[in-house]
Structures are given as structure tokens and as C-alpha cells.
């Protein structure tokens, strides 16, 4: 991955996962699969907020969803964490921080 792409992806993931509500949703969904209503109740968050944050996490692949049967002819959409994609996001953030540190050190050395 190019240095510039790493910087862009790192900033994106860092911004996404720096949000406390999204971190709480990820933490919760690592333990159990839940619907939007279930997430809302457990985290005491408004449904609109849950939908917004889940959509952001789903767009980058950290969350996935599937229909779960809850009764005869009844299904609900539940969300869960894609652990592989979460791991990749965290590795990208780590690489981003190292690259950022390298750039600052390089700039500092150029100024001497």
C-alpha cells in the first residue's frame, strides 16, 4: 500500500473508531448478534443514532448483517462484527500512526 493511501485509510479508520458510540456498538456486537432495537436498548441510544453509526461501520465492512428466524415466517435483521475486517482496520490504524511518526521525525531531522 502506498504511503498516501495508508495515510488516507488510517485517517478514515481512526476517525470512524475514535467515536465512542461506534466503539460501544462494536464492543457489544463482538459478544452477541443484535438488531437495531436490541443495540438501542442495551446501549440506551436513540434508534436514529444507532442506525447512523451501524451504517457507517457496515459501509467499511466492520459490521455485517443477516436475517435471523424468530418464529414461523418471522425474521429480524441482526448485526455482528466481521472480526477479520476489524483486525485489518486496527492494523491500518497502527501502520498509519507509525508512518505519521516517521514523517514527523523525518521533518524534524530535515530542519536541523
Protein backbone atom coordinates (compact mmCIF):
# COMPACT_ATOMS: atom_id res chain seq x y z
CA UNK A 1 0.00 0.00 0.00
CA UNK A 2 1.33 3.41 -0.90
CA UNK A 3 2.20 5.84 1.85
CA UNK A 4 -0.52 8.28 0.77
CA UNK A 5 -3.17 5.56 0.62
CA UNK A 6 -2.10 4.37 4.07
CA UNK A 7 -2.47 7.91 5.40
CA UNK A 8 -5.95 8.29 3.88
CA UNK A 9 -7.19 4.88 5.09
CA UNK A 10 -5.61 5.35 8.51
CA UNK A 11 -7.29 8.72 9.00
CA UNK A 12 -10.60 7.24 7.87
CA UNK A 13 -10.49 4.26 10.23
CA UNK A 14 -9.16 6.35 13.10
CA UNK A 15 -11.97 8.86 12.71
CA UNK A 16 -14.51 6.08 12.46
CA UNK A 17 -13.35 4.13 15.52
CA UNK A 18 -12.47 7.18 17.63
CA UNK A 19 -16.20 7.77 18.08
CA UNK A 20 -17.29 6.43 21.48
CA UNK A 21 -20.75 5.33 20.30
CA UNK A 22 -19.28 3.29 17.43
CA UNK A 23 -16.72 1.71 19.77
CA UNK A 24 -19.52 0.74 22.16
CA UNK A 25 -21.53 -0.77 19.30
CA UNK A 26 -18.53 -2.80 18.10
CA UNK A 27 -17.78 -3.95 21.65
CA UNK A 28 -21.38 -5.06 22.15
CA UNK A 29 -21.67 -6.80 18.79
CA UNK A 30 -18.45 -8.74 19.37
CA UNK A 31 -20.35 -10.51 22.17
CA UNK A 32 -23.74 -11.05 20.55
CA UNK A 33 -25.73 -10.52 17.39
CA UNK A 34 -28.39 -7.87 17.83
CA UNK A 35 -31.00 -5.94 15.89
CA UNK A 36 -31.07 -2.16 15.74
CA UNK A 37 -33.69 -2.19 18.52
CA UNK A 38 -31.56 -4.54 20.61
CA UNK A 39 -28.50 -2.31 20.25
CA UNK A 40 -30.60 0.75 21.08
CA UNK A 41 -31.97 -0.81 24.26
CA UNK A 42 -28.68 -2.22 25.52
CA UNK A 43 -26.73 0.98 24.92
CA UNK A 44 -29.63 3.32 25.78
CA UNK A 45 -29.12 5.15 22.50
CA UNK A 46 -31.80 6.61 20.22
CA UNK A 47 -32.63 4.32 17.30
CA UNK A 48 -31.71 7.06 14.78
CA UNK A 49 -28.22 7.28 16.30
CA UNK A 50 -27.78 3.52 16.22
CA UNK A 51 -28.85 3.38 12.58
CA UNK A 52 -26.39 6.15 11.71
CA UNK A 53 -23.42 4.52 13.46
CA UNK A 54 -24.24 0.99 12.28
CA UNK A 55 -24.46 2.26 8.70
CA UNK A 56 -21.00 3.86 8.99
CA UNK A 57 -19.49 0.64 10.39
CA UNK A 58 -21.27 -1.52 7.84
CA UNK A 59 -20.09 0.63 4.93
CA UNK A 60 -16.43 -0.15 5.72
CA UNK A 61 -17.15 -3.82 6.41
CA UNK A 62 -16.56 -3.84 10.16
CA UNK A 63 -20.20 -4.82 10.69
CA UNK A 64 -22.20 -7.31 8.70
CA UNK A 65 -25.83 -8.35 8.92
CA UNK A 66 -28.08 -11.30 8.24
CA UNK A 67 -31.66 -12.30 8.80
CA UNK A 68 -32.33 -14.50 11.81
CA UNK A 69 -35.50 -16.55 12.13
CA UNK A 70 -37.51 -15.56 15.20
CA UNK A 71 -40.68 -17.53 14.54
CA UNK A 72 -42.77 -19.10 11.82
CA UNK A 73 -42.38 -16.82 8.84
CA UNK A 74 -40.80 -14.11 11.00
CA UNK A 75 -37.27 -12.82 10.65
CA UNK A 76 -35.24 -9.95 12.05
CA UNK A 77 -32.10 -8.30 10.76
CA UNK A 78 -29.21 -8.75 13.17
CA UNK A 79 -25.74 -7.23 13.08
CA UNK A 80 -22.38 -8.69 14.05
CA UNK A 81 -18.69 -7.81 13.83
CA UNK A 82 -16.58 -9.09 10.95
CA UNK A 83 -13.51 -9.83 13.08
CA UNK A 84 -11.16 -10.06 10.09
CA UNK A 85 -12.15 -6.62 8.81
CA UNK A 86 -11.92 -5.13 12.31
CA UNK A 87 -8.41 -6.59 12.65
CA UNK A 88 -7.42 -5.09 9.30
CA UNK A 89 -8.80 -1.68 10.31
CA UNK A 90 -6.84 -1.76 13.58
CA UNK A 91 -3.66 -2.82 11.75
CA UNK A 92 -4.15 0.03 9.28
CA UNK A 93 -4.50 2.49 12.17
CA UNK A 94 -1.33 1.12 13.75
CA UNK A 95 0.60 1.40 10.46
CA UNK A 96 -0.80 4.93 9.99
CA UNK A 97 0.48 6.02 13.42
CA UNK A 98 3.94 4.60 12.64
CA UNK A 99 4.01 6.38 9.28
CA UNK A 100 2.88 9.63 10.85
CA UNK A 101 5.61 9.35 13.49
CA UNK A 102 8.17 8.61 10.78
CA UNK A 103 7.11 11.70 8.84
CA UNK A 104 7.41 13.94 11.89
CA UNK A 105 10.85 12.55 12.72
CA UNK A 106 11.93 13.00 9.10
CA UNK A 107 10.71 16.61 9.08
CA UNK A 108 12.45 17.25 12.37
CA UNK A 109 15.73 15.85 11.01
CA UNK A 110 15.41 17.94 7.82
CA UNK A 111 15.12 21.06 9.95
CA UNK A 112 18.48 20.53 11.67
